[in-house]
Amino acid sequence: MSTRVLLVTSSILGEHGQSNALAEHFKTQAEAREGVEVSVRDVVKYPLPHLALDELSTWQTPVNERSDEQMRLAAISDKMLFELRESDVIVLAVPMYNLGVPSQLKAWFDRVLRAGETFRYTENGPQGLIEGKRAIILAARGGMYAGTEMDSQTPHLKSMLGLMGLTDVNAIYAEGLNMGDDRRESALKEACQAIDQQVAAL
């Protein structure tokens, strides 16, 4: 039985992005393991538009009542949901931009965080509908933020994943990447070692 991995990348720097380097290391190591399949969703190379009312309202329209344009709009989110549901492990390669996640990645979350699809509202609050999956965050940052009040990114990511029911989340950090060559090389080496441990557990 194979393990299916959805790897979501979101660096605007392409091949020069450090989070993309972490993602590529993960992909290479994972694909070397028998029975592991990796699919990549690059939300920068194939960007999603910011969520707008016409697309949002489409989800609230019964399928048999949708216009052709609404069917086209609904297909955007439906494709993201299919990829998510078909995966056993979700890996997010995330750079830090202005203390937050890239807007391109937020646009992806806006397509997969759908009431009635990945979570539902109950009298006790939201309940996640995606079960039996785990997530890995590969975070690349120029400074040192993990475990401090400045790291608003990690809680945000874990909250969005948790809303869907993804509570088994491991975060791997490569930090201080803009704080000198020695620090960058050491941080990337440690992050890759941590990635190898996660891959071994697939």
C-alpha atoms as a PDB file:
ATOM      1  CA  MET A   1       0.000   0.000   0.000  1.00  0.00           C
ATOM      2  CA  SER A   2       1.477   3.325  -1.070  1.00  0.00           C
ATOM      3  CA  THR A   3       1.801   6.535   0.915  1.00  0.00           C
ATOM      4  CA  ARG A   4       0.627   9.551  -1.030  1.00  0.00           C
ATOM      5  CA  VAL A   5       2.201  12.906  -0.251  1.00  0.00           C
ATOM      6  CA  LEU A   6       0.895  16.300  -1.337  1.00  0.00           C
ATOM      7  CA  LEU A   7       3.769  18.803  -1.346  1.00  0.00           C
ATOM      8  CA  VAL A   8       2.639  22.436  -1.505  1.00  0.00           C
ATOM      9  CA  THR A   9       5.335  24.997  -2.325  1.00  0.00           C
ATOM     10  CA  SER A  10       4.903  28.757  -2.076  1.00  0.00           C
ATOM     11  CA  SER A  11       8.191  30.604  -2.570  1.00  0.00           C
ATOM     12  CA  ILE A  12       8.226  33.500  -5.041  1.00  0.00           C
ATOM     13  CA  LEU A  13      11.989  32.952  -5.514  1.00  0.00           C
ATOM     14  CA  GLY A  14      11.638  29.768  -7.531  1.00  0.00           C
ATOM     15  CA  GLU A  15      14.788  27.652  -7.592  1.00  0.00           C
ATOM     16  CA  HIS A  16      16.534  30.241  -5.414  1.00  0.00           C
ATOM     17  CA  GLY A  17      14.005  29.913  -2.590  1.00  0.00           C
ATOM     18  CA  GLN A  18      15.265  28.195   0.550  1.00  0.00           C
ATOM     19  CA  SER A  19      11.837  26.714   1.337  1.00  0.00           C
ATOM     20  CA  ASN A  20      11.834  25.270  -2.176  1.00  0.00           C
ATOM     21  CA  ALA A  21      15.264  23.770  -1.465  1.00  0.00           C
ATOM     22  CA  LEU A  22      13.810  22.076   1.615  1.00  0.00           C
ATOM     23  CA  ALA A  23      10.856  20.896  -0.469  1.00  0.00           C
ATOM     24  CA  GLU A  24      13.157  19.467  -3.130  1.00  0.00           C
ATOM     25  CA  HIS A  25      15.191  17.637  -0.487  1.00  0.00           C
ATOM     26  CA  PHE A  26      11.995  16.172   0.945  1.00  0.00           C
ATOM     27  CA  LYS A  27      10.769  15.148  -2.508  1.00  0.00           C
ATOM     28  CA  THR A  28      14.062  13.513  -3.487  1.00  0.00           C
ATOM     29  CA  GLN A  29      14.317  11.554  -0.254  1.00  0.00           C
ATOM     30  CA  ALA A  30      10.652  10.552  -0.255  1.00  0.00           C
ATOM     31  CA  GLU A  31      10.608   9.355  -3.863  1.00  0.00           C
ATOM     32  CA  ALA A  32      13.638   7.190  -3.124  1.00  0.00           C
ATOM     33  CA  ARG A  33      11.493   5.168  -0.731  1.00  0.00           C
ATOM     34  CA  GLU A  34       9.469   2.319  -2.117  1.00  0.00           C
ATOM     35  CA  GLY A  35       5.736   2.879  -2.013  1.00  0.00           C
ATOM     36  CA  VAL A  36       5.851   6.662  -1.591  1.00  0.00           C
ATOM     37  CA  GLU A  37       4.221   8.889  -4.208  1.00  0.00           C
ATOM     38  CA  VAL A  38       4.733  12.654  -4.199  1.00  0.00           C
ATOM     39  CA  SER A  39       2.583  15.165  -6.067  1.00  0.00           C
ATOM     40  CA  VAL A  40       3.541  18.835  -6.086  1.00  0.00           C
ATOM     41  CA  ARG A  41       1.226  21.825  -6.004  1.00  0.00           C
ATOM     42  CA  ASP A  42       3.275  24.985  -6.702  1.00  0.00           C
ATOM     43  CA  VAL A  43       0.950  27.856  -5.842  1.00  0.00           C
ATOM     44  CA  VAL A  44       3.390  30.413  -7.252  1.00  0.00           C
ATOM     45  CA  LYS A  45       4.061  28.789 -10.615  1.00  0.00           C
ATOM     46  CA  TYR A  46       0.341  28.035 -10.902  1.00  0.00           C
ATOM     47  CA  PRO A  47      -1.201  30.839  -8.839  1.00  0.00           C
ATOM     48  CA  LEU A  48      -4.727  30.910  -7.543  1.00  0.00           C
ATOM     49  CA  PRO A  49      -6.626  34.199  -7.628  1.00  0.00           C
ATOM     50  CA  HIS A  50      -7.590  35.790  -4.349  1.00  0.00           C
ATOM     51  CA  LEU A  51     -10.937  34.470  -3.236  1.00  0.00           C
ATOM     52  CA  ALA A  52     -13.813  36.673  -4.411  1.00  0.00           C
ATOM     53  CA  LEU A  53     -17.547  36.698  -3.766  1.00  0.00           C
ATOM     54  CA  ASP A  54     -18.522  35.149  -7.092  1.00  0.00           C
ATOM     55  CA  GLU A  55     -16.429  32.049  -6.371  1.00  0.00           C
ATOM     56  CA  LEU A  56     -17.522  31.850  -2.743  1.00  0.00           C
ATOM     57  CA  SER A  57     -21.194  32.053  -3.682  1.00  0.00           C
ATOM     58  CA  THR A  58     -20.694  29.286  -6.228  1.00  0.00           C
ATOM     59  CA  TRP A  59     -19.945  26.812  -3.430  1.00  0.00           C
ATOM     60  CA  GLN A  60     -23.255  27.733  -1.820  1.00  0.00           C
ATOM     61  CA  THR A  61     -25.202  27.083  -5.031  1.00  0.00           C
ATOM     62  CA  PRO A  62     -26.544  23.535  -5.610  1.00  0.00           C
ATOM     63  CA  VAL A  63     -24.576  21.769  -8.346  1.00  0.00           C
ATOM     64  CA  ASN A  64     -27.627  21.308 -10.586  1.00  0.00           C
ATOM     65  CA  GLU A  65     -28.349  25.043 -10.415  1.00  0.00           C
ATOM     66  CA  ARG A  66     -24.876  26.319 -11.313  1.00  0.00           C
ATOM     67  CA  SER A  67     -24.237  28.243 -14.503  1.00  0.00           C
ATOM     68  CA  ASP A  68     -21.316  27.337 -16.771  1.00  0.00           C
ATOM     69  CA  GLU A  69     -19.251  30.090 -15.172  1.00  0.00           C
ATOM     70  CA  GLN A  70     -20.108  28.839 -11.710  1.00  0.00           C
ATOM     71  CA  MET A  71     -19.104  25.309 -12.711  1.00  0.00           C
ATOM     72  CA  ARG A  72     -15.753  26.678 -13.866  1.00  0.00           C
ATOM     73  CA  LEU A  73     -15.234  28.550 -10.617  1.00  0.00           C
ATOM     74  CA  ALA A  74     -16.277  25.584  -8.482  1.00  0.00           C
ATOM     75  CA  ALA A  75     -13.781  23.352 -10.304  1.00  0.00           C
ATOM     76  CA  ILE A  76     -10.884  25.417  -8.925  1.00  0.00           C
ATOM     77  CA  SER A  77     -11.616  24.516  -5.321  1.00  0.00           C
ATOM     78  CA  ASP A  78     -12.842  21.030  -6.164  1.00  0.00           C
ATOM     79  CA  LYS A  79      -9.462  20.183  -7.693  1.00  0.00           C
ATOM     80  CA  MET A  80      -7.620  21.381  -4.576  1.00  0.00           C
ATOM     81  CA  LEU A  81      -9.975  19.362  -2.382  1.00  0.00           C
ATOM     82  CA  PHE A  82      -9.463  16.230  -4.480  1.00  0.00           C
ATOM     83  CA  GLU A  83      -5.681  16.511  -4.150  1.00  0.00           C
ATOM     84  CA  LEU A  84      -5.990  17.020  -0.405  1.00  0.00           C
ATOM     85  CA  ARG A  85      -8.342  14.097   0.149  1.00  0.00           C
ATOM     86  CA  GLU A  86      -6.265  11.745  -1.990  1.00  0.00           C
ATOM     87  CA  SER A  87      -3.155  12.409   0.103  1.00  0.00           C
ATOM     88  CA  ASP A  88      -2.031  10.718   3.300  1.00  0.00           C
ATOM     89  CA  VAL A  89       0.535  13.371   4.209  1.00  0.00           C
ATOM     90  CA  ILE A  90       0.394  17.099   3.463  1.00  0.00           C
ATOM     91  CA  VAL A  91       3.738  18.895   3.348  1.00  0.00           C
ATOM     92  CA  LEU A  92       3.799  22.692   3.278  1.00  0.00           C
ATOM     93  CA  ALA A  93       7.056  24.378   2.239  1.00  0.00           C
ATOM     94  CA  VAL A  94       6.635  27.892   3.582  1.00  0.00           C
ATOM     95  CA  PRO A  95       8.853  30.970   3.480  1.00  0.00           C
ATOM     96  CA  MET A  96       8.108  33.779   5.925  1.00  0.00           C
ATOM     97  CA  TYR A  97       7.046  37.037   4.295  1.00  0.00           C
ATOM     98  CA  ASN A  98       6.484  39.965   6.650  1.00  0.00           C
ATOM     99  CA  LEU A  99       5.865  37.585   9.581  1.00  0.00           C
ATOM    100  CA  GLY A 100       3.151  35.700   7.716  1.00  0.00           C
ATOM    101  CA  VAL A 101       2.519  33.132   5.011  1.00  0.00           C
ATOM    102  CA  PRO A 102       2.737  34.010   1.311  1.00  0.00           C
ATOM    103  CA  SER A 103      -0.562  35.293  -0.033  1.00  0.00           C
ATOM    104  CA  GLN A 104      -0.397  32.572  -2.679  1.00  0.00           C
ATOM    105  CA  LEU A 105      -0.505  29.916   0.045  1.00  0.00           C
ATOM    106  CA  LYS A 106      -3.359  31.710   1.793  1.00  0.00           C
ATOM    107  CA  ALA A 107      -5.266  31.562  -1.503  1.00  0.00           C
ATOM    108  CA  TRP A 108      -4.774  27.772  -1.485  1.00  0.00           C
ATOM    109  CA  PHE A 109      -6.054  27.522   2.073  1.00  0.00           C
ATOM    110  CA  ASP A 110      -9.062  29.631   1.088  1.00  0.00           C
ATOM    111  CA  ARG A 111      -9.954  26.909  -1.457  1.00  0.00           C
ATOM    112  CA  VAL A 112      -9.561  23.921   0.882  1.00  0.00           C
ATOM    113  CA  LEU A 113     -11.046  25.465   4.036  1.00  0.00           C
ATOM    114  CA  ARG A 114     -14.679  25.005   3.032  1.00  0.00           C
ATOM    115  CA  ALA A 115     -17.585  24.587   5.412  1.00  0.00           C
ATOM    116  CA  GLY A 116     -19.375  21.341   4.652  1.00  0.00           C
ATOM    117  CA  GLU A 117     -16.341  19.941   2.835  1.00  0.00           C
ATOM    118  CA  THR A 118     -13.328  19.974   5.172  1.00  0.00           C
ATOM    119  CA  PHE A 119     -15.034  21.204   8.339  1.00  0.00           C
ATOM    120  CA  ARG A 120     -18.524  21.838   9.645  1.00  0.00           C
ATOM    121  CA  TYR A 121     -20.063  24.096  12.227  1.00  0.00           C
ATOM    122  CA  THR A 122     -21.656  22.459  15.264  1.00  0.00           C
ATOM    123  CA  GLU A 123     -23.205  23.763  18.460  1.00  0.00           C
ATOM    124  CA  ASN A 124     -19.819  23.109  20.075  1.00  0.00           C
ATOM    125  CA  GLY A 125     -17.877  24.979  17.407  1.00  0.00           C
ATOM    126  CA  PRO A 126     -16.125  23.931  14.182  1.00  0.00           C
ATOM    127  CA  GLN A 127     -15.407  20.236  13.630  1.00  0.00           C
ATOM    128  CA  GLY A 128     -12.759  19.026  11.168  1.00  0.00           C
ATOM    129  CA  LEU A 129     -13.837  16.527   8.524  1.00  0.00           C
ATOM    130  CA  ILE A 130     -10.387  15.490   7.273  1.00  0.00           C
ATOM    131  CA  GLU A 131      -9.166  12.588   9.377  1.00  0.00           C
ATOM    132  CA  GLY A 132      -6.345  10.071   9.360  1.00  0.00           C
ATOM    133  CA  LYS A 133      -3.803  12.395   7.755  1.00  0.00           C
ATOM    134  CA  ARG A 134      -0.770  14.204   9.063  1.00  0.00           C
ATOM    135  CA  ALA A 135       1.010  17.365   8.043  1.00  0.00           C
ATOM    136  CA  ILE A 136       4.594  18.583   7.938  1.00  0.00           C
ATOM    137  CA  ILE A 137       5.614  22.237   7.777  1.00  0.00           C
ATOM    138  CA  LEU A 138       8.982  23.098   6.201  1.00  0.00           C
ATOM    139  CA  ALA A 139       9.615  26.666   7.313  1.00  0.00           C
ATOM    140  CA  ALA A 140      12.463  28.772   5.911  1.00  0.00           C
ATOM    141  CA  ARG A 141      13.161  32.112   7.581  1.00  0.00           C
ATOM    142  CA  GLY A 142      15.770  34.820   7.356  1.00  0.00           C
ATOM    143  CA  GLY A 143      15.730  35.534  11.102  1.00  0.00           C
ATOM    144  CA  MET A 144      15.120  33.634  14.318  1.00  0.00           C
ATOM    145  CA  TYR A 145      11.422  33.390  15.177  1.00  0.00           C
ATOM    146  CA  ALA A 146      10.443  29.871  16.288  1.00  0.00           C
ATOM    147  CA  GLY A 147       9.105  29.816  19.825  1.00  0.00           C
ATOM    148  CA  THR A 148       8.880  33.611  20.095  1.00  0.00           C
ATOM    149  CA  GLU A 149       5.956  36.031  19.970  1.00  0.00           C
ATOM    150  CA  MET A 150       7.160  37.126  16.544  1.00  0.00           C
ATOM    151  CA  ASP A 151       6.275  33.729  15.095  1.00  0.00           C
ATOM    152  CA  SER A 152       2.654  34.319  14.164  1.00  0.00           C
ATOM    153  CA  GLN A 153       3.105  32.042  11.152  1.00  0.00           C
ATOM    154  CA  THR A 154       3.268  28.671  12.900  1.00  0.00           C
ATOM    155  CA  PRO A 155       0.102  29.155  15.015  1.00  0.00           C
ATOM    156  CA  HIS A 156      -1.736  30.402  11.919  1.00  0.00           C
ATOM    157  CA  LEU A 157      -0.742  27.366   9.866  1.00  0.00           C
ATOM    158  CA  LYS A 158      -1.569  24.931  12.662  1.00  0.00           C
ATOM    159  CA  SER A 159      -4.928  26.626  13.229  1.00  0.00           C
ATOM    160  CA  MET A 160      -5.898  26.372   9.560  1.00  0.00           C
ATOM    161  CA  LEU A 161      -4.782  22.743   9.384  1.00  0.00           C
ATOM    162  CA  GLY A 162      -6.530  22.009  12.665  1.00  0.00           C
ATOM    163  CA  LEU A 163      -9.779  23.494  11.414  1.00  0.00           C
ATOM    164  CA  MET A 164      -9.863  20.696   8.838  1.00  0.00           C
ATOM    165  CA  GLY A 165      -8.999  18.063  11.430  1.00  0.00           C
ATOM    166  CA  LEU A 166      -5.268  17.886  10.702  1.00  0.00           C
ATOM    167  CA  THR A 167      -3.857  17.997  14.216  1.00  0.00           C
ATOM    168  CA  ASP A 168      -0.855  15.684  13.762  1.00  0.00           C
ATOM    169  CA  VAL A 169       1.521  18.425  12.608  1.00  0.00           C
ATOM    170  CA  ASN A 170       5.314  18.509  12.709  1.00  0.00           C
ATOM    171  CA  ALA A 171       7.209  21.731  11.999  1.00  0.00           C
ATOM    172  CA  ILE A 172      10.799  21.790  10.739  1.00  0.00           C
ATOM    173  CA  TYR A 173      12.580  25.141  10.816  1.00  0.00           C
ATOM    174  CA  ALA A 174      15.547  26.486   8.885  1.00  0.00           C
ATOM    175  CA  GLU A 175      16.121  29.846  10.543  1.00  0.00           C
ATOM    176  CA  GLY A 176      18.721  32.593  10.507  1.00  0.00           C
ATOM    177  CA  LEU A 177      19.233  32.112   6.786  1.00  0.00           C
ATOM    178  CA  ASN A 178      20.092  35.786   6.315  1.00  0.00           C
ATOM    179  CA  MET A 179      22.428  35.901   9.312  1.00  0.00           C
ATOM    180  CA  GLY A 180      25.655  34.816   7.652  1.00  0.00           C
ATOM    181  CA  ASP A 181      26.879  31.916   5.532  1.00  0.00           C
ATOM    182  CA  ASP A 182      27.861  29.702   8.449  1.00  0.00           C
ATOM    183  CA  ARG A 183      24.479  30.096  10.113  1.00  0.00           C
ATOM    184  CA  ARG A 184      22.644  29.442   6.835  1.00  0.00           C
ATOM    185  CA  GLU A 185      24.607  26.279   6.050  1.00  0.00           C
ATOM    186  CA  SER A 186      24.175  24.951   9.576  1.00  0.00           C
ATOM    187  CA  ALA A 187      20.431  25.683   9.619  1.00  0.00           C
ATOM    188  CA  LEU A 188      19.817  24.030   6.253  1.00  0.00           C
ATOM    189  CA  LYS A 189      21.860  20.981   7.241  1.00  0.00           C
ATOM    190  CA  GLU A 190      19.909  20.559  10.479  1.00  0.00           C
ATOM    191  CA  ALA A 191      16.601  21.022   8.663  1.00  0.00           C
ATOM    192  CA  CYS A 192      17.518  18.413   6.050  1.00  0.00           C
ATOM    193  CA  GLN A 193      18.439  15.960   8.801  1.00  0.00           C
ATOM    194  CA  ALA A 194      15.050  16.557  10.412  1.00  0.00           C
ATOM    195  CA  ILE A 195      13.379  16.052   7.030  1.00  0.00           C
ATOM    196  CA  ASP A 196      15.172  12.730   6.635  1.00  0.00           C
ATOM    197  CA  GLN A 197      13.709  11.597   9.949  1.00  0.00           C
ATOM    198  CA  GLN A 198      10.204  12.531   8.822  1.00  0.00           C
ATOM    199  CA  VAL A 199      10.684  10.749   5.496  1.00  0.00           C
ATOM    200  CA  ALA A 200      11.850   7.629   7.306  1.00  0.00           C
ATOM    201  CA  ALA A 201       8.513   7.587   9.129  1.00  0.00           C
ATOM    202  CA  LEU A 202       6.406   7.683   5.959  1.00  0.00           C
END
